[in-house]
Amino acid sequence: PDGSLEYCGRADGFAKVGGKWLDLASVERQLMNAGCRDAALVWDEQAKRRHAAVVLACNSLGLACQSLAAKVSELQALLPRDTQVHVLSELPHNAATGKVNRGALVRQLAAATPPASKSELQPGVLQVRCA
């Protein structure tokens, strides 16, 4: 009503990571080609954290920790630094469109992830959380 504009964020699926533009959809496709049934990269604005949520194709949540860690290590090369990886049994989807409900996913990951200080996040170290 007063003529001012409100910036609501980007709607094109690109993010600036390390000074370079990154197409999140292409990274998600690479994760799916590497053995994930479903994948989503999201940014938690409130906690200032980058998350990668993946659902492994072989439904391997029952894998031994070493096997799961090995699989996630394979995916590490595809992800931006300082990304927390969450292995989930499924991602929340919008019933009407079938697309990943990113808002619900961020809320789900925020509820499951304990707060971390900047000193806990080491550059180049992948943090894995399973849910």
N, C-alpha and C. Protein backbone atom coordinates (compact mmCIF):
# COMPACT_ATOMS: atom_id res chain seq x y z
N PRO A 1 0.81 -1.20 0.00
CA PRO A 1 0.00 0.00 0.00
C PRO A 1 0.84 1.26 0.00
N ASP A 2 2.02 1.24 0.66
CA ASP A 2 2.83 2.45 0.74
C ASP A 2 3.85 2.54 -0.40
N GLY A 3 3.85 1.58 -1.32
CA GLY A 3 4.74 1.62 -2.47
C GLY A 3 6.11 1.00 -2.23
N SER A 4 6.38 0.49 -1.05
CA SER A 4 7.68 -0.11 -0.78
C SER A 4 7.70 -1.56 -1.27
N LEU A 5 8.89 -2.06 -1.56
CA LEU A 5 9.07 -3.43 -2.02
C LEU A 5 9.65 -4.28 -0.90
N GLU A 6 9.23 -5.52 -0.85
CA GLU A 6 9.75 -6.46 0.15
C GLU A 6 10.44 -7.59 -0.59
N TYR A 7 11.74 -7.80 -0.30
CA TYR A 7 12.49 -8.88 -0.92
C TYR A 7 12.18 -10.18 -0.19
N CYS A 8 11.70 -11.16 -0.93
CA CYS A 8 11.28 -12.44 -0.33
C CYS A 8 12.24 -13.57 -0.68
N GLY A 9 13.37 -13.28 -1.26
CA GLY A 9 14.33 -14.32 -1.59
C GLY A 9 14.29 -14.69 -3.06
N ARG A 10 15.19 -15.58 -3.45
CA ARG A 10 15.28 -16.01 -4.84
C ARG A 10 14.28 -17.13 -5.10
N ALA A 11 13.79 -17.17 -6.31
CA ALA A 11 12.84 -18.20 -6.68
C ALA A 11 13.36 -19.07 -7.82
N ASP A 12 14.66 -18.93 -8.14
CA ASP A 12 15.18 -19.63 -9.31
C ASP A 12 16.04 -20.85 -8.99
N GLY A 13 16.23 -21.19 -7.73
CA GLY A 13 16.99 -22.40 -7.39
C GLY A 13 18.49 -22.22 -7.45
N PHE A 14 18.98 -21.00 -7.49
CA PHE A 14 20.42 -20.75 -7.46
C PHE A 14 20.80 -20.20 -6.10
N ALA A 15 22.02 -20.49 -5.68
CA ALA A 15 22.53 -19.96 -4.42
C ALA A 15 23.99 -19.59 -4.62
N LYS A 16 24.44 -18.57 -3.93
CA LYS A 16 25.84 -18.16 -4.01
C LYS A 16 26.59 -18.87 -2.89
N VAL A 17 27.54 -19.71 -3.28
CA VAL A 17 28.32 -20.51 -2.33
C VAL A 17 29.80 -20.26 -2.63
N GLY A 18 30.51 -19.75 -1.66
CA GLY A 18 31.93 -19.50 -1.85
C GLY A 18 32.23 -18.51 -2.96
N GLY A 19 31.32 -17.55 -3.16
CA GLY A 19 31.52 -16.53 -4.18
C GLY A 19 31.12 -16.94 -5.57
N LYS A 20 30.61 -18.16 -5.75
CA LYS A 20 30.20 -18.65 -7.07
C LYS A 20 28.74 -19.06 -7.02
N TRP A 21 28.06 -18.87 -8.14
CA TRP A 21 26.65 -19.26 -8.22
C TRP A 21 26.56 -20.77 -8.42
N LEU A 22 25.67 -21.40 -7.68
CA LEU A 22 25.49 -22.84 -7.70
C LEU A 22 24.04 -23.16 -8.04
N ASP A 23 23.84 -24.00 -9.05
CA ASP A 23 22.50 -24.46 -9.42
C ASP A 23 22.14 -25.63 -8.51
N LEU A 24 21.27 -25.38 -7.53
CA LEU A 24 20.92 -26.41 -6.56
C LEU A 24 20.27 -27.63 -7.22
N ALA A 25 19.46 -27.41 -8.25
CA ALA A 25 18.79 -28.52 -8.93
C ALA A 25 19.81 -29.46 -9.58
N SER A 26 20.90 -28.92 -10.13
CA SER A 26 21.90 -29.79 -10.75
C SER A 26 22.63 -30.61 -9.69
N VAL A 27 22.89 -30.02 -8.51
CA VAL A 27 23.52 -30.78 -7.42
C VAL A 27 22.57 -31.88 -6.94
N GLU A 28 21.28 -31.57 -6.83
CA GLU A 28 20.31 -32.57 -6.42
C GLU A 28 20.25 -33.71 -7.44
N ARG A 29 20.32 -33.39 -8.74
CA ARG A 29 20.33 -34.44 -9.77
C ARG A 29 21.58 -35.30 -9.63
N GLN A 30 22.73 -34.68 -9.36
CA GLN A 30 23.97 -35.45 -9.18
C GLN A 30 23.86 -36.38 -7.98
N LEU A 31 23.24 -35.91 -6.89
CA LEU A 31 23.04 -36.76 -5.72
C LEU A 31 22.16 -37.95 -6.07
N MET A 32 21.13 -37.71 -6.86
CA MET A 32 20.23 -38.79 -7.25
C MET A 32 20.93 -39.78 -8.18
N ASN A 33 21.79 -39.29 -9.05
CA ASN A 33 22.57 -40.18 -9.92
C ASN A 33 23.59 -40.98 -9.13
N ALA A 34 23.98 -40.48 -7.96
CA ALA A 34 24.97 -41.16 -7.13
C ALA A 34 24.35 -42.16 -6.16
N GLY A 35 23.05 -42.42 -6.29
CA GLY A 35 22.43 -43.45 -5.46
C GLY A 35 21.38 -42.97 -4.49
N CYS A 36 20.93 -41.75 -4.62
CA CYS A 36 19.86 -41.25 -3.76
C CYS A 36 18.53 -41.37 -4.48
N ARG A 37 17.51 -41.81 -3.79
CA ARG A 37 16.16 -41.87 -4.36
C ARG A 37 15.55 -40.49 -4.43
N ASP A 38 15.89 -39.63 -3.47
CA ASP A 38 15.37 -38.27 -3.42
C ASP A 38 16.42 -37.41 -2.73
N ALA A 39 16.51 -36.14 -3.11
CA ALA A 39 17.52 -35.25 -2.52
C ALA A 39 17.02 -33.82 -2.59
N ALA A 40 17.40 -33.02 -1.59
CA ALA A 40 17.06 -31.60 -1.58
C ALA A 40 18.14 -30.85 -0.82
N LEU A 41 18.56 -29.72 -1.37
CA LEU A 41 19.46 -28.81 -0.68
C LEU A 41 18.64 -27.62 -0.23
N VAL A 42 18.74 -27.27 1.03
CA VAL A 42 17.96 -26.15 1.56
C VAL A 42 18.85 -25.31 2.47
N TRP A 43 18.47 -24.06 2.63
CA TRP A 43 19.17 -23.12 3.50
C TRP A 43 18.24 -22.75 4.64
N ASP A 44 18.70 -22.91 5.86
CA ASP A 44 17.95 -22.50 7.03
C ASP A 44 18.38 -21.08 7.37
N GLU A 45 17.57 -20.11 7.00
CA GLU A 45 17.92 -18.70 7.19
C GLU A 45 18.07 -18.35 8.66
N GLN A 46 17.22 -18.92 9.49
CA GLN A 46 17.26 -18.60 10.92
C GLN A 46 18.55 -19.09 11.57
N ALA A 47 18.95 -20.32 11.27
CA ALA A 47 20.15 -20.89 11.89
C ALA A 47 21.41 -20.65 11.06
N LYS A 48 21.25 -20.08 9.87
CA LYS A 48 22.38 -19.83 8.96
C LYS A 48 23.15 -21.11 8.69
N ARG A 49 22.41 -22.16 8.28
CA ARG A 49 23.01 -23.46 7.98
C ARG A 49 22.53 -23.96 6.62
N ARG A 50 23.42 -24.64 5.92
CA ARG A 50 23.08 -25.30 4.66
C ARG A 50 22.86 -26.77 4.96
N HIS A 51 21.77 -27.32 4.44
CA HIS A 51 21.44 -28.73 4.67
C HIS A 51 21.29 -29.46 3.34
N ALA A 52 21.71 -30.69 3.32
CA ALA A 52 21.40 -31.59 2.22
C ALA A 52 20.64 -32.75 2.83
N ALA A 53 19.40 -32.92 2.41
CA ALA A 53 18.60 -34.04 2.89
C ALA A 53 18.52 -35.07 1.78
N VAL A 54 18.87 -36.29 2.08
CA VAL A 54 18.88 -37.34 1.07
C VAL A 54 18.12 -38.56 1.56
N VAL A 55 17.51 -39.25 0.60
CA VAL A 55 16.88 -40.54 0.85
C VAL A 55 17.64 -41.52 -0.04
N LEU A 56 18.30 -42.48 0.57
CA LEU A 56 19.11 -43.42 -0.20
C LEU A 56 18.21 -44.40 -0.95
N ALA A 57 18.60 -44.72 -2.18
CA ALA A 57 17.79 -45.55 -3.06
C ALA A 57 17.59 -46.96 -2.53
N CYS A 58 18.60 -47.50 -1.86
CA CYS A 58 18.50 -48.88 -1.40
C CYS A 58 17.83 -48.97 -0.04
N ASN A 59 17.19 -47.86 0.38
CA ASN A 59 16.51 -47.84 1.69
C ASN A 59 17.47 -48.32 2.77
N SER A 60 18.67 -47.76 2.74
CA SER A 60 19.77 -48.28 3.54
C SER A 60 19.91 -47.64 4.91
N LEU A 61 18.83 -47.18 5.49
CA LEU A 61 18.94 -46.62 6.84
C LEU A 61 19.38 -47.69 7.83
N GLY A 62 19.18 -48.95 7.48
CA GLY A 62 19.59 -50.03 8.36
C GLY A 62 21.04 -50.44 8.18
N LEU A 63 21.75 -49.79 7.28
CA LEU A 63 23.16 -50.12 7.07
C LEU A 63 23.96 -49.88 8.33
N ALA A 64 25.04 -50.61 8.46
CA ALA A 64 25.96 -50.35 9.56
C ALA A 64 26.51 -48.94 9.40
N CYS A 65 26.90 -48.33 10.51
CA CYS A 65 27.41 -46.96 10.47
C CYS A 65 28.55 -46.79 9.49
N GLN A 66 29.44 -47.77 9.40
CA GLN A 66 30.59 -47.66 8.49
C GLN A 66 30.11 -47.61 7.05
N SER A 67 29.13 -48.44 6.68
CA SER A 67 28.63 -48.46 5.31
C SER A 67 27.91 -47.15 4.99
N LEU A 68 27.11 -46.66 5.93
CA LEU A 68 26.39 -45.42 5.73
C LEU A 68 27.37 -44.26 5.62
N ALA A 69 28.38 -44.24 6.47
CA ALA A 69 29.39 -43.18 6.41
C ALA A 69 30.14 -43.23 5.09
N ALA A 70 30.41 -44.43 4.57
CA ALA A 70 31.10 -44.55 3.29
C ALA A 70 30.24 -44.00 2.16
N LYS A 71 28.95 -44.29 2.19
CA LYS A 71 28.05 -43.78 1.15
C LYS A 71 27.96 -42.26 1.21
N VAL A 72 27.82 -41.72 2.41
CA VAL A 72 27.72 -40.28 2.56
C VAL A 72 29.03 -39.62 2.14
N SER A 73 30.16 -40.27 2.39
CA SER A 73 31.45 -39.72 1.97
C SER A 73 31.53 -39.62 0.45
N GLU A 74 30.91 -40.57 -0.25
CA GLU A 74 30.85 -40.50 -1.71
C GLU A 74 30.09 -39.26 -2.16
N LEU A 75 29.03 -38.92 -1.43
CA LEU A 75 28.20 -37.78 -1.80
C LEU A 75 28.88 -36.46 -1.45
N GLN A 76 29.84 -36.49 -0.53
CA GLN A 76 30.49 -35.27 -0.05
C GLN A 76 31.10 -34.47 -1.18
N ALA A 77 31.68 -35.14 -2.16
CA ALA A 77 32.35 -34.44 -3.26
C ALA A 77 31.37 -33.62 -4.09
N LEU A 78 30.10 -33.95 -4.02
CA LEU A 78 29.09 -33.25 -4.82
C LEU A 78 28.52 -32.03 -4.12
N LEU A 79 28.82 -31.86 -2.84
CA LEU A 79 28.16 -30.84 -2.03
C LEU A 79 29.07 -29.67 -1.71
N PRO A 80 28.48 -28.48 -1.52
CA PRO A 80 29.27 -27.34 -1.04
C PRO A 80 29.83 -27.63 0.35
N ARG A 81 30.94 -26.97 0.67
CA ARG A 81 31.54 -27.13 2.00
C ARG A 81 30.56 -26.71 3.08
N ASP A 82 30.79 -27.21 4.29
CA ASP A 82 29.99 -26.86 5.46
C ASP A 82 28.51 -27.19 5.30
N THR A 83 28.23 -28.27 4.58
CA THR A 83 26.85 -28.72 4.40
C THR A 83 26.59 -29.87 5.37
N GLN A 84 25.51 -29.75 6.12
CA GLN A 84 25.11 -30.86 7.00
C GLN A 84 24.25 -31.81 6.18
N VAL A 85 24.62 -33.09 6.20
CA VAL A 85 23.88 -34.10 5.46
C VAL A 85 22.95 -34.83 6.41
N HIS A 86 21.70 -34.95 6.01
CA HIS A 86 20.70 -35.65 6.81
C HIS A 86 20.17 -36.80 5.96
N VAL A 87 20.31 -38.03 6.45
CA VAL A 87 19.78 -39.20 5.75
C VAL A 87 18.41 -39.47 6.34
N LEU A 88 17.38 -39.33 5.52
CA LEU A 88 16.00 -39.47 5.97
C LEU A 88 15.33 -40.65 5.29
N SER A 89 14.24 -41.12 5.87
CA SER A 89 13.48 -42.20 5.23
C SER A 89 12.62 -41.67 4.11
N GLU A 90 12.23 -40.38 4.19
CA GLU A 90 11.48 -39.74 3.11
C GLU A 90 11.53 -38.23 3.30
N LEU A 91 11.33 -37.51 2.20
CA LEU A 91 11.28 -36.05 2.25
C LEU A 91 9.82 -35.61 2.20
N PRO A 92 9.48 -34.50 2.84
CA PRO A 92 8.10 -34.01 2.76
C PRO A 92 7.82 -33.46 1.36
N HIS A 93 6.70 -33.86 0.78
CA HIS A 93 6.32 -33.41 -0.56
C HIS A 93 4.99 -32.67 -0.50
N ASN A 94 4.82 -31.74 -1.42
CA ASN A 94 3.55 -31.03 -1.58
C ASN A 94 2.59 -31.98 -2.27
N ALA A 95 1.44 -32.20 -1.68
CA ALA A 95 0.48 -33.16 -2.22
C ALA A 95 -0.02 -32.75 -3.60
N ALA A 96 -0.16 -31.47 -3.85
CA ALA A 96 -0.70 -30.99 -5.13
C ALA A 96 0.32 -31.07 -6.26
N THR A 97 1.58 -30.72 -5.98
CA THR A 97 2.57 -30.65 -7.05
C THR A 97 3.54 -31.83 -7.08
N GLY A 98 3.69 -32.53 -5.96
CA GLY A 98 4.64 -33.63 -5.88
C GLY A 98 6.07 -33.16 -5.64
N LYS A 99 6.28 -31.84 -5.59
CA LYS A 99 7.62 -31.31 -5.36
C LYS A 99 7.95 -31.35 -3.87
N VAL A 100 9.25 -31.32 -3.56
CA VAL A 100 9.69 -31.29 -2.17
C VAL A 100 9.17 -30.01 -1.52
N ASN A 101 8.56 -30.16 -0.36
CA ASN A 101 8.08 -29.01 0.42
C ASN A 101 9.28 -28.51 1.23
N ARG A 102 9.99 -27.55 0.66
CA ARG A 102 11.24 -27.08 1.26
C ARG A 102 11.02 -26.38 2.60
N GLY A 103 9.92 -25.66 2.74
CA GLY A 103 9.63 -25.00 4.02
C GLY A 103 9.44 -26.02 5.12
N ALA A 104 8.66 -27.07 4.83
CA ALA A 104 8.45 -28.13 5.82
C ALA A 104 9.75 -28.87 6.11
N LEU A 105 10.58 -29.06 5.08
CA LEU A 105 11.85 -29.75 5.26
C LEU A 105 12.78 -28.94 6.18
N VAL A 106 12.86 -27.63 5.96
CA VAL A 106 13.71 -26.80 6.82
C VAL A 106 13.23 -26.87 8.27
N ARG A 107 11.91 -26.80 8.46
CA ARG A 107 11.38 -26.88 9.84
C ARG A 107 11.69 -28.24 10.46
N GLN A 108 11.55 -29.32 9.69
CA GLN A 108 11.84 -30.67 10.19
C GLN A 108 13.31 -30.80 10.56
N LEU A 109 14.20 -30.30 9.71
CA LEU A 109 15.63 -30.41 9.99
C LEU A 109 16.04 -29.52 11.16
N ALA A 110 15.43 -28.34 11.26
CA ALA A 110 15.75 -27.44 12.37
C ALA A 110 15.34 -28.06 13.70
N ALA A 111 14.21 -28.76 13.71
CA ALA A 111 13.75 -29.40 14.94
C ALA A 111 14.64 -30.57 15.33
N ALA A 112 15.25 -31.23 14.34
CA ALA A 112 16.06 -32.42 14.61
C ALA A 112 17.54 -32.10 14.81
N THR A 113 17.97 -30.88 14.47
CA THR A 113 19.38 -30.53 14.53
C THR A 113 19.65 -29.66 15.75
N PRO A 114 20.54 -30.10 16.63
CA PRO A 114 20.87 -29.26 17.78
C PRO A 114 21.62 -28.02 17.32
N PRO A 115 21.47 -26.91 18.05
CA PRO A 115 22.18 -25.69 17.69
C PRO A 115 23.69 -25.92 17.74
N ALA A 116 24.39 -25.33 16.78
CA ALA A 116 25.85 -25.46 16.74
C ALA A 116 26.46 -24.08 16.70
N SER A 117 27.56 -23.96 17.38
CA SER A 117 28.29 -22.69 17.32
C SER A 117 29.18 -22.72 16.09
N LYS A 118 29.61 -21.56 15.65
CA LYS A 118 30.49 -21.47 14.49
C LYS A 118 31.78 -22.25 14.74
N SER A 119 32.22 -22.33 15.99
CA SER A 119 33.47 -23.02 16.28
C SER A 119 33.34 -24.52 16.06
N GLU A 120 32.11 -25.06 16.13
CA GLU A 120 31.91 -26.49 15.92
C GLU A 120 31.97 -26.86 14.45
N LEU A 121 31.66 -25.92 13.55
CA LEU A 121 31.66 -26.20 12.12
C LEU A 121 33.06 -25.97 11.57
N GLN A 122 33.69 -27.04 11.16
CA GLN A 122 35.04 -26.93 10.61
C GLN A 122 34.95 -26.92 9.09
N PRO A 123 35.63 -26.01 8.42
CA PRO A 123 35.59 -25.97 6.96
C PRO A 123 36.02 -27.30 6.36
N GLY A 124 35.25 -27.77 5.38
CA GLY A 124 35.58 -28.98 4.68
C GLY A 124 35.16 -30.25 5.40
N VAL A 125 34.57 -30.14 6.58
CA VAL A 125 34.14 -31.32 7.32
C VAL A 125 32.66 -31.52 7.13
N LEU A 126 32.28 -32.68 6.67
CA LEU A 126 30.88 -32.99 6.42
C LEU A 126 30.26 -33.51 7.71
N GLN A 127 29.16 -32.94 8.11
CA GLN A 127 28.47 -33.40 9.31
C GLN A 127 27.27 -34.25 8.87
N VAL A 128 27.10 -35.41 9.46
CA VAL A 128 26.04 -36.33 9.07
C VAL A 128 25.08 -36.49 10.21
N ARG A 129 23.80 -36.37 9.92
CA ARG A 129 22.74 -36.61 10.89
C ARG A 129 21.75 -37.58 10.25
N CYS A 130 21.40 -38.63 10.94
CA CYS A 130 20.43 -39.59 10.42
C CYS A 130 19.13 -39.44 11.18
N ALA A 131 18.02 -39.51 10.47
CA ALA A 131 16.72 -39.42 11.11
C ALA A 131 15.76 -40.38 10.44
